[in-house]
Amino acid sequence: MQNSRLLIIFLALLSISLSSYNIYKLELERKEHKDDLIELLNVKYGLFNVDTWKEVFSEILAKKIKSLEFTAEQESDARENISAFLHDAINDLETQFHDEQSKSVGGLVKISVANFTDLFEEIKNNIPEYTEEILLFLRDPNNRDAMQAYIKEKLSEYADQTFSPVDYTKHDRILAKYKMTDRDQAIAELQSQVDAYDAALKKYLYAGLFIGFLCALGIMFTQQISTWEFVLYTLISIGLLDAGLILPMIEIDARIAEMSFTLLGEPVSFTDQILYYKSKSIIEVVTLMLSQGKPDVMFVGLLVLLFSVLFPISKMLASLVYIFMPSLGKNGFIRFMVFRTGKWSMADVMVIAIFMSFIGFSGILAEQLGQLEGLTTNLDVLTTNKSSLQDGFYLFTSFVILSLLISHRLQFKDTPEKTADAITTSNAESSASEKEEEPTGGKEEE
């Protein structure tokens, strides 16, 4: 029975190791694709991008110019406005001509010729003809295309003079990496791959958590746990710890899911605009804090390193030493790490609390995004907070529970060495008791 149980626990250790390895491998690949996807979805390439707005305005103006059709009433109004404009323009031209030419003798001659031939009046008489030519020009589709190209060119020119150029270095590198030329196509492909990685990761995560749950049941309900069973349980716990430290604990994702509004009578929509994204593991958080160079941040980083990395590892190693080397079982440090760390194990929970504070931060994001939705009635804004706990959180939590159970059962571990020591101690106490009783018995006989 014991050998069968030992084999099952050994298979559980192999399964945990395999699941952790596959999770780590898939997570690295997923992270690469997810980071590229987040970069392409960044708001700087969409809602906050001047080139995007150029395209939006160009498309709207193109539709307006192509759909430019005059009704009878509109054509009559346009004819009056064009005629009035031409009259004013010709009058201004005539006034400017007289002012400039009156300054010289040659100019006075030109004025006389213009008055004699009645040049400006002749031009004014032709205004109705010019007006019809302009209206005919506006009706010509080819001329509308030319107007569209001109407006688009001027719009781009004004935008470039007003706004700073957008850096597309990362954007273009990602497209080249996946051999794509279209941003929307790259986003769709990357999203599909990330979803596939998520589905695969869930399978291995559920398998690992299920095995951890079975191990916890085995520790709680097995009456006598052998030395090698303790060793295997401890190694399983260490495997969960390693995975929990390396894998991301939480993913914070704040984005505008959809923003819709009407511009010049045309609908405009932006979707999946990333405002903020972070995904970190405990090791990455520690590395980031220690590299900041700020004493307060580095101090917090050292605390996280001590209580969430060094302390749990030392605890597990001390458990292995206690199991394999009973002679060191009376060592104060070993006994402290194995048996006296119940309250110190709350440090593990402290780390979880630190990461849960990120969830609180995501709640703040949700509130702020909600305020963004209510800024104006002219905008239809749908925001979303896609923050979620990641594999590292669940695996680290499994380690905390399993390690507490192992420490608790080690206190009641009945090993052959302890049994032999107890028997020796009992025999010694019996011999001492008999020696003390012999003199007393002799005096009573006398």
Protein backbone atom coordinates (compact mmCIF):
# COMPACT_ATOMS: atom_id res chain seq x y z
CA MET A 1 0.00 0.00 0.00
CA GLN A 2 2.77 2.39 0.96
CA ASN A 3 4.71 1.60 -2.21
CA SER A 4 1.61 2.26 -4.32
CA ARG A 5 1.05 5.58 -2.60
CA LEU A 6 4.69 6.47 -3.10
CA LEU A 7 4.42 5.71 -6.82
CA ILE A 8 1.29 7.86 -7.14
CA ILE A 9 2.99 10.81 -5.42
CA PHE A 10 6.04 10.38 -7.65
CA LEU A 11 3.79 10.47 -10.72
CA ALA A 12 2.16 13.60 -9.30
CA LEU A 13 5.62 15.18 -9.00
CA LEU A 14 6.36 14.35 -12.63
CA SER A 15 2.98 15.73 -13.71
CA ILE A 16 3.51 18.96 -11.76
CA SER A 17 6.98 19.35 -13.27
CA LEU A 18 5.67 18.75 -16.78
CA SER A 19 2.73 21.11 -16.31
CA SER A 20 4.96 23.85 -14.86
CA TYR A 21 7.45 23.49 -17.71
CA ASN A 22 4.73 23.65 -20.36
CA ILE A 23 3.08 26.61 -18.65
CA TYR A 24 6.41 28.45 -18.51
CA LYS A 25 7.20 27.68 -22.15
CA LEU A 26 3.74 28.67 -23.39
CA GLU A 27 3.76 31.80 -21.21
CA LEU A 28 7.00 33.01 -22.80
CA GLU A 29 5.53 32.60 -26.28
CA ARG A 30 2.23 34.15 -25.22
CA LYS A 31 4.01 37.12 -23.64
CA GLU A 32 5.89 37.83 -26.86
CA HIS A 33 2.70 37.79 -28.93
CA LYS A 34 0.67 39.66 -26.30
CA ASP A 35 3.26 42.45 -26.01
CA ASP A 36 3.24 42.87 -29.80
CA LEU A 37 -0.56 42.91 -29.82
CA ILE A 38 -0.70 45.50 -27.04
CA GLU A 39 1.77 47.68 -28.93
CA LEU A 40 -0.36 47.64 -32.08
CA LEU A 41 -3.51 48.38 -30.06
CA ASN A 42 -1.90 51.30 -28.24
CA VAL A 43 -3.95 54.47 -28.32
CA LYS A 44 -1.01 56.34 -29.85
CA TYR A 45 -1.66 54.52 -33.14
CA GLY A 46 -5.42 55.16 -33.03
CA LEU A 47 -7.34 57.80 -31.14
CA PHE A 48 -4.23 59.87 -30.37
CA ASN A 49 -2.64 59.47 -33.79
CA VAL A 50 -2.56 62.43 -36.18
CA ASP A 51 -2.17 60.18 -39.23
CA THR A 52 -5.32 58.30 -38.27
CA TRP A 53 -7.23 61.56 -38.04
CA LYS A 54 -5.89 62.56 -41.45
CA GLU A 55 -7.43 59.42 -42.90
CA VAL A 56 -10.70 60.02 -41.04
CA PHE A 57 -11.05 63.58 -42.32
CA SER A 58 -9.95 62.63 -45.82
CA GLU A 59 -12.55 59.86 -46.04
CA ILE A 60 -15.30 62.13 -44.73
CA LEU A 61 -14.41 64.97 -47.11
CA ALA A 62 -14.17 62.53 -50.01
CA LYS A 63 -17.70 61.29 -49.27
CA LYS A 64 -19.00 64.84 -48.98
CA ILE A 65 -17.41 65.95 -52.24
CA LYS A 66 -18.57 62.86 -54.15
CA SER A 67 -22.10 63.24 -52.83
CA LEU A 68 -22.18 66.96 -53.67
CA GLU A 69 -25.45 67.43 -55.56
CA PHE A 70 -27.37 70.67 -55.98
CA THR A 71 -31.13 70.81 -55.75
CA ALA A 72 -32.91 73.48 -57.80
CA GLU A 73 -33.16 75.77 -54.79
CA GLN A 74 -29.54 75.13 -53.76
CA GLU A 75 -28.34 75.76 -57.31
CA SER A 76 -30.22 79.04 -57.40
CA ASP A 77 -28.67 80.12 -54.10
CA ALA A 78 -25.23 78.99 -55.27
CA ARG A 79 -25.65 80.98 -58.49
CA GLU A 80 -26.50 84.14 -56.54
CA ASN A 81 -23.61 83.65 -54.13
CA ILE A 82 -21.11 83.02 -56.92
CA SER A 83 -22.37 86.04 -58.87
CA ALA A 84 -22.11 88.26 -55.80
CA PHE A 85 -18.63 86.96 -55.10
CA LEU A 86 -17.51 87.64 -58.69
CA HIS A 87 -18.98 91.17 -58.63
CA ASP A 88 -17.15 91.96 -55.40
CA ALA A 89 -13.92 90.44 -56.70
CA ILE A 90 -14.08 92.46 -59.96
CA ASN A 91 -14.88 95.69 -58.09
CA ASP A 92 -11.91 95.12 -55.79
CA LEU A 93 -9.73 94.40 -58.82
CA GLU A 94 -10.88 97.61 -60.54
CA THR A 95 -10.22 99.72 -57.43
CA GLN A 96 -6.78 98.19 -56.97
CA PHE A 97 -5.99 98.73 -60.67
CA HIS A 98 -6.82 102.44 -60.53
CA ASP A 99 -4.89 102.94 -57.28
CA GLU A 100 -1.73 101.32 -58.61
CA GLN A 101 -1.77 102.76 -62.14
CA SER A 102 -2.52 106.35 -61.08
CA LYS A 103 0.97 106.67 -59.63
CA SER A 104 2.71 106.95 -63.02
CA VAL A 105 2.17 108.51 -66.46
CA GLY A 106 2.13 105.09 -68.13
CA GLY A 107 -0.42 103.94 -65.63
CA LEU A 108 -2.69 106.90 -66.42
CA VAL A 109 -2.58 105.85 -70.06
CA LYS A 110 -3.64 102.33 -69.10
CA ILE A 111 -6.52 103.72 -67.05
CA SER A 112 -7.65 105.79 -70.02
CA VAL A 113 -7.59 102.75 -72.30
CA ALA A 114 -9.51 100.68 -69.76
CA ASN A 115 -12.14 103.41 -69.42
CA PHE A 116 -12.40 103.87 -73.17
CA THR A 117 -12.88 100.16 -73.86
CA ASP A 118 -15.10 99.77 -70.77
CA LEU A 119 -13.00 96.69 -69.81
CA PHE A 120 -14.29 96.10 -66.29
CA GLU A 121 -17.93 96.64 -67.28
CA GLU A 122 -17.49 94.10 -70.04
CA ILE A 123 -16.15 91.59 -67.51
CA LYS A 124 -19.08 92.29 -65.20
CA ASN A 125 -21.51 91.69 -68.05
CA ASN A 126 -19.99 88.21 -68.49
CA ILE A 127 -20.47 87.24 -64.81
CA PRO A 128 -23.58 85.10 -65.52
CA GLU A 129 -21.56 83.11 -68.05
CA TYR A 130 -18.66 82.73 -65.62
CA THR A 131 -21.10 81.62 -62.92
CA GLU A 132 -22.50 78.86 -65.11
CA GLU A 133 -18.97 77.70 -65.95
CA ILE A 134 -18.14 77.43 -62.23
CA LEU A 135 -21.32 75.44 -61.54
CA LEU A 136 -20.49 73.17 -64.46
CA PHE A 137 -16.99 72.72 -63.02
CA LEU A 138 -18.42 71.65 -59.66
CA ARG A 139 -20.69 69.08 -61.33
CA ASP A 140 -17.79 67.39 -63.15
CA PRO A 141 -16.67 64.21 -61.23
CA ASN A 142 -13.08 64.63 -62.45
CA ASN A 143 -12.91 68.09 -60.93
CA ARG A 144 -14.31 66.74 -57.67
CA ASP A 145 -11.47 64.22 -57.54
CA ALA A 146 -9.00 67.03 -58.09
CA MET A 147 -10.62 69.04 -55.30
CA GLN A 148 -10.47 65.99 -53.04
CA ALA A 149 -6.77 65.47 -53.73
CA TYR A 150 -6.06 69.15 -53.14
CA ILE A 151 -7.95 69.23 -49.83
CA LYS A 152 -6.26 66.03 -48.67
CA GLU A 153 -2.83 67.44 -49.52
CA LYS A 154 -3.50 70.68 -47.67
CA LEU A 155 -4.95 68.83 -44.67
CA SER A 156 -1.85 66.67 -44.42
CA GLU A 157 0.38 69.72 -44.77
CA TYR A 158 -1.40 71.63 -41.99
CA ALA A 159 -1.42 68.59 -39.69
CA ASP A 160 2.33 68.03 -40.17
CA GLN A 161 2.99 71.67 -39.34
CA THR A 162 0.82 71.49 -36.19
CA PHE A 163 1.58 68.09 -34.63
CA SER A 164 4.78 66.15 -33.91
CA PRO A 165 5.53 63.17 -36.18
CA VAL A 166 4.56 59.71 -34.92
CA ASP A 167 7.32 57.18 -34.23
CA TYR A 168 6.42 53.98 -36.09
CA THR A 169 9.66 52.11 -35.34
CA LYS A 170 8.10 49.44 -33.09
CA HIS A 171 4.94 49.36 -35.18
CA ASP A 172 6.81 48.65 -38.41
CA ARG A 173 9.15 46.15 -36.75
CA ILE A 174 6.17 44.12 -35.52
CA LEU A 175 4.55 44.09 -38.96
CA ALA A 176 7.84 43.01 -40.53
CA LYS A 177 8.27 40.34 -37.85
CA TYR A 178 5.00 38.67 -38.81
CA LYS A 179 5.41 39.48 -42.51
CA MET A 180 2.30 41.63 -42.71
CA THR A 181 1.64 45.04 -44.23
CA ASP A 182 -1.77 45.79 -42.76
CA ARG A 183 -2.12 46.74 -39.08
CA ASP A 184 -5.68 45.46 -38.71
CA GLN A 185 -4.71 42.12 -40.23
CA ALA A 186 -1.76 41.81 -37.84
CA ILE A 187 -4.00 42.62 -34.86
CA ALA A 188 -6.53 39.96 -35.86
CA GLU A 189 -3.79 37.34 -36.34
CA LEU A 190 -2.05 38.14 -33.04
CA GLN A 191 -5.35 38.10 -31.14
CA SER A 192 -6.12 34.67 -32.56
CA GLN A 193 -2.72 33.35 -31.47
CA VAL A 194 -3.02 34.84 -27.96
CA ASP A 195 -6.45 33.22 -27.56
CA ALA A 196 -4.96 29.87 -28.59
CA TYR A 197 -2.18 30.24 -26.00
CA ASP A 198 -4.72 31.13 -23.30
CA ALA A 199 -6.73 27.99 -24.05
CA ALA A 200 -3.62 25.78 -23.88
CA LEU A 201 -2.41 27.43 -20.66
CA LYS A 202 -5.73 26.83 -18.93
CA LYS A 203 -5.48 23.09 -19.55
CA TYR A 204 -2.05 22.80 -17.94
CA LEU A 205 -3.00 25.18 -15.12
CA TYR A 206 -6.12 23.20 -14.24
CA ALA A 207 -4.10 19.99 -14.34
CA GLY A 208 -1.47 21.43 -11.99
CA LEU A 209 -4.03 22.82 -9.56
CA PHE A 210 -5.93 19.53 -9.53
CA ILE A 211 -2.76 17.60 -8.72
CA GLY A 212 -1.93 20.10 -5.99
CA PHE A 213 -5.42 19.63 -4.57
CA LEU A 214 -5.00 15.84 -4.52
CA CYS A 215 -1.64 16.20 -2.77
CA ALA A 216 -3.26 18.42 -0.13
CA LEU A 217 -5.92 15.77 0.46
CA GLY A 218 -3.21 13.11 0.72
CA ILE A 219 -1.30 15.10 3.31
CA MET A 220 -4.41 15.80 5.39
CA PHE A 221 -5.99 12.34 5.38
CA THR A 222 -3.05 9.93 5.24
CA GLN A 223 -2.51 8.57 8.74
CA GLN A 224 1.22 7.87 8.47
CA ILE A 225 3.39 9.61 5.90
CA SER A 226 6.77 8.05 5.20
CA THR A 227 10.02 9.94 4.82
CA TRP A 228 10.09 9.61 1.02
CA GLU A 229 6.47 10.70 0.77
CA PHE A 230 7.37 13.85 2.67
CA VAL A 231 10.29 14.37 0.32
CA LEU A 232 8.06 14.07 -2.76
CA TYR A 233 5.41 16.36 -1.29
CA THR A 234 8.11 18.92 -0.50
CA LEU A 235 9.50 18.73 -4.05
CA ILE A 236 5.99 19.23 -5.45
CA SER A 237 5.63 22.28 -3.23
CA ILE A 238 8.97 23.64 -4.46
CA GLY A 239 7.83 23.13 -8.05
CA LEU A 240 4.68 25.16 -7.39
CA LEU A 241 6.80 27.86 -5.74
CA ASP A 242 9.18 28.14 -8.69
CA ALA A 243 6.30 28.43 -11.15
CA GLY A 244 4.51 30.96 -8.93
CA LEU A 245 7.60 33.18 -8.73
CA ILE A 246 8.42 33.14 -12.44
CA LEU A 247 4.97 33.35 -14.00
CA PRO A 248 2.93 36.60 -14.09
CA MET A 249 0.73 37.17 -11.05
CA ILE A 250 -1.73 39.68 -12.47
CA GLU A 251 -2.47 41.42 -15.74
CA ILE A 252 -3.79 44.99 -15.70
CA ASP A 253 -5.44 46.01 -18.97
CA ALA A 254 -7.40 49.27 -19.23
CA ARG A 255 -8.77 50.14 -22.65
CA ILE A 256 -11.50 51.96 -24.53
CA ALA A 257 -13.46 49.09 -26.03
CA GLU A 258 -15.36 51.37 -28.38
CA MET A 259 -15.74 55.11 -28.96
CA SER A 260 -18.35 56.21 -31.49
CA PHE A 261 -19.41 59.70 -32.55
CA THR A 262 -20.61 61.68 -35.56
CA LEU A 263 -18.31 64.06 -37.43
CA LEU A 264 -19.71 66.24 -40.23
CA GLY A 265 -22.68 63.92 -40.39
CA GLU A 266 -20.53 60.78 -40.81
CA PRO A 267 -20.11 58.04 -38.16
CA VAL A 268 -16.60 57.62 -36.72
CA SER A 269 -15.60 54.72 -34.48
CA PHE A 270 -12.45 53.63 -32.62
CA THR A 271 -12.20 50.17 -31.02
CA ASP A 272 -9.78 48.48 -28.57
CA GLN A 273 -7.67 51.50 -27.70
CA ILE A 274 -5.15 50.45 -25.03
CA LEU A 275 -4.69 53.11 -22.35
CA TYR A 276 -2.60 51.12 -19.83
CA TYR A 277 -1.19 47.60 -19.69
CA LYS A 278 1.13 45.80 -17.26
CA SER A 279 1.83 42.13 -16.55
CA LYS A 280 4.50 41.23 -13.99
CA SER A 281 5.68 38.22 -12.02
CA ILE A 282 7.12 38.43 -8.49
CA ILE A 283 10.66 38.08 -9.83
CA GLU A 284 10.03 40.83 -12.40
CA VAL A 285 8.59 43.12 -9.72
CA VAL A 286 11.61 42.54 -7.46
CA THR A 287 14.03 43.16 -10.33
CA LEU A 288 12.18 46.32 -11.32
CA MET A 289 12.15 47.70 -7.78
CA LEU A 290 15.80 46.97 -7.12
CA SER A 291 16.84 48.62 -10.39
CA GLN A 292 15.03 51.90 -9.66
CA GLY A 293 17.83 53.34 -7.55
CA LYS A 294 15.36 54.94 -5.09
CA PRO A 295 15.94 53.89 -1.45
CA ASP A 296 12.24 53.57 -0.55
CA VAL A 297 11.42 51.52 -3.64
CA MET A 298 14.52 49.36 -3.18
CA PHE A 299 13.56 48.73 0.46
CA VAL A 300 10.15 47.45 -0.58
CA GLY A 301 11.85 45.33 -3.24
CA LEU A 302 14.14 43.78 -0.64
CA LEU A 303 11.14 42.98 1.59
CA VAL A 304 9.35 41.29 -1.29
CA LEU A 305 12.53 39.37 -2.15
CA LEU A 306 13.00 38.29 1.46
CA PHE A 307 9.47 37.20 2.29
CA SER A 308 8.27 35.88 -1.04
CA VAL A 309 11.46 34.33 -2.48
CA LEU A 310 14.20 33.67 0.08
CA PHE A 311 11.97 32.83 3.04
CA PRO A 312 9.79 30.20 1.29
CA ILE A 313 12.81 28.58 -0.38
CA SER A 314 14.68 28.41 2.95
CA LYS A 315 11.62 26.91 4.58
CA MET A 316 11.38 24.12 1.99
CA LEU A 317 15.11 23.38 2.11
CA ALA A 318 14.98 23.23 5.92
CA SER A 319 12.12 20.75 5.65
CA LEU A 320 14.23 18.52 3.40
CA VAL A 321 17.16 18.72 5.82
CA TYR A 322 14.88 17.85 8.74
CA ILE A 323 13.49 14.84 6.89
CA PHE A 324 16.81 13.44 5.63
CA MET A 325 19.05 14.33 8.59
CA PRO A 326 17.28 13.56 11.88
CA SER A 327 20.49 14.39 13.74
CA LEU A 328 19.95 18.04 12.77
CA GLY A 329 16.34 17.95 13.86
CA LYS A 330 17.27 19.56 17.17
CA ASN A 331 19.06 22.45 15.50
CA GLY A 332 17.35 25.68 16.55
CA PHE A 333 17.36 27.27 13.10
CA ILE A 334 16.04 24.14 11.37
CA ARG A 335 13.26 23.69 13.92
CA PHE A 336 12.38 27.36 13.68
CA MET A 337 12.11 27.25 9.87
CA VAL A 338 10.10 24.04 9.85
CA PHE A 339 7.85 24.34 12.93
CA ARG A 340 7.92 27.92 14.19
CA THR A 341 7.10 29.76 11.01
CA GLY A 342 3.31 29.55 11.12
CA LYS A 343 2.85 33.25 11.74
CA TRP A 344 5.78 34.11 9.47
CA SER A 345 4.06 32.21 6.69
CA MET A 346 1.63 35.11 6.63
CA ALA A 347 4.43 36.91 4.80
CA ASP A 348 3.45 34.80 1.81
CA VAL A 349 -0.06 36.14 2.18
CA MET A 350 1.42 39.64 2.41
CA VAL A 351 2.82 39.21 -1.07
CA ILE A 352 -0.60 38.19 -2.29
CA ALA A 353 -1.96 41.32 -0.64
CA ILE A 354 0.60 43.40 -2.49
CA PHE A 355 -0.60 42.05 -5.77
CA MET A 356 -4.21 42.38 -4.73
CA SER A 357 -3.46 46.08 -4.33
CA PHE A 358 -2.95 46.05 -8.07
CA ILE A 359 -6.51 44.81 -8.31
CA GLY A 360 -7.51 47.80 -6.22
CA PHE A 361 -5.62 49.94 -8.69
CA SER A 362 -7.58 48.31 -11.48
CA GLY A 363 -10.73 49.29 -9.59
CA ILE A 364 -9.56 52.89 -9.69
CA LEU A 365 -9.05 52.47 -13.42
CA ALA A 366 -12.58 51.17 -13.77
CA GLU A 367 -13.92 54.21 -11.93
CA GLN A 368 -11.93 56.63 -14.04
CA LEU A 369 -12.95 54.86 -17.24
CA GLY A 370 -16.54 55.08 -16.08
CA GLN A 371 -16.16 58.83 -15.70
CA LEU A 372 -14.77 58.97 -19.22
CA GLU A 373 -17.94 57.35 -20.48
CA GLY A 374 -20.05 60.12 -18.95
CA LEU A 375 -18.01 63.09 -20.12
CA THR A 376 -20.36 64.08 -22.93
CA THR A 377 -23.61 62.99 -24.50
CA ASN A 378 -22.17 63.48 -27.98
CA LEU A 379 -19.85 60.51 -27.57
CA ASP A 380 -20.75 56.86 -27.18
CA VAL A 381 -17.84 55.51 -25.12
CA LEU A 382 -17.64 51.91 -23.95
CA THR A 383 -14.64 51.33 -21.67
CA THR A 384 -13.47 48.03 -20.24
CA ASN A 385 -11.07 46.90 -17.54
CA LYS A 386 -9.63 43.53 -18.53
CA SER A 387 -7.44 43.12 -15.45
CA SER A 388 -7.23 39.48 -14.39
CA LEU A 389 -5.31 37.15 -12.10
CA GLN A 390 -2.74 35.09 -13.95
CA ASP A 391 -1.27 31.59 -13.57
CA GLY A 392 1.45 32.71 -11.17
CA PHE A 393 -1.09 33.84 -8.59
CA TYR A 394 -2.89 30.50 -8.46
CA LEU A 395 0.32 28.43 -8.42
CA PHE A 396 1.90 30.58 -5.70
CA THR A 397 -1.27 30.32 -3.60
CA SER A 398 -1.21 26.53 -4.04
CA PHE A 399 2.38 26.50 -2.78
CA VAL A 400 1.43 28.51 0.33
CA ILE A 401 -1.36 26.09 1.24
CA LEU A 402 0.67 22.95 0.49
CA SER A 403 3.72 24.15 2.42
CA LEU A 404 1.59 24.93 5.49
CA LEU A 405 0.11 21.43 5.39
CA ILE A 406 3.57 19.86 5.08
CA SER A 407 4.89 21.85 8.06
CA HIS A 408 1.88 20.88 10.12
CA ARG A 409 2.23 17.16 9.36
CA LEU A 410 5.99 17.19 9.99
CA GLN A 411 5.25 18.03 13.62
CA PHE A 412 3.49 14.67 13.95
CA LYS A 413 5.79 12.68 11.71
CA ASP A 414 6.47 9.22 13.25
CA THR A 415 9.79 8.10 11.80
CA PRO A 416 11.78 4.93 12.77
CA GLU A 417 14.50 7.14 14.17
CA LYS A 418 12.06 8.91 16.46
CA THR A 419 10.54 5.61 17.51
CA ALA A 420 14.00 4.18 18.34
CA ASP A 421 14.87 7.32 20.29
CA ALA A 422 11.59 7.12 22.18
CA ILE A 423 12.22 3.41 23.02
CA THR A 424 15.79 4.13 24.15
CA THR A 425 14.63 7.04 26.27
CA SER A 426 11.87 4.92 27.79
CA ASN A 427 14.30 2.05 28.63
CA ALA A 428 16.74 4.47 30.19
CA GLU A 429 14.04 6.02 32.32
CA SER A 430 12.86 2.54 33.44
CA SER A 431 16.41 1.48 34.44
CA ALA A 432 16.92 4.67 36.41
CA SER A 433 13.61 4.14 38.16
CA GLU A 434 14.51 0.54 39.16
CA LYS A 435 17.87 1.60 40.56
CA GLU A 436 16.19 4.22 42.71
CA GLU A 437 13.65 1.71 44.03
CA GLU A 438 16.13 -1.08 45.00
CA PRO A 439 17.61 0.48 48.21
CA THR A 440 14.21 1.42 49.48
CA GLY A 441 12.94 -2.11 48.98
CA GLY A 442 15.91 -3.61 50.95
CA LYS A 443 15.33 -1.47 54.01
CA GLU A 444 11.67 -2.39 54.10
CA GLU A 445 12.58 -6.14 54.08
CA GLU A 446 14.92 -5.73 57.01
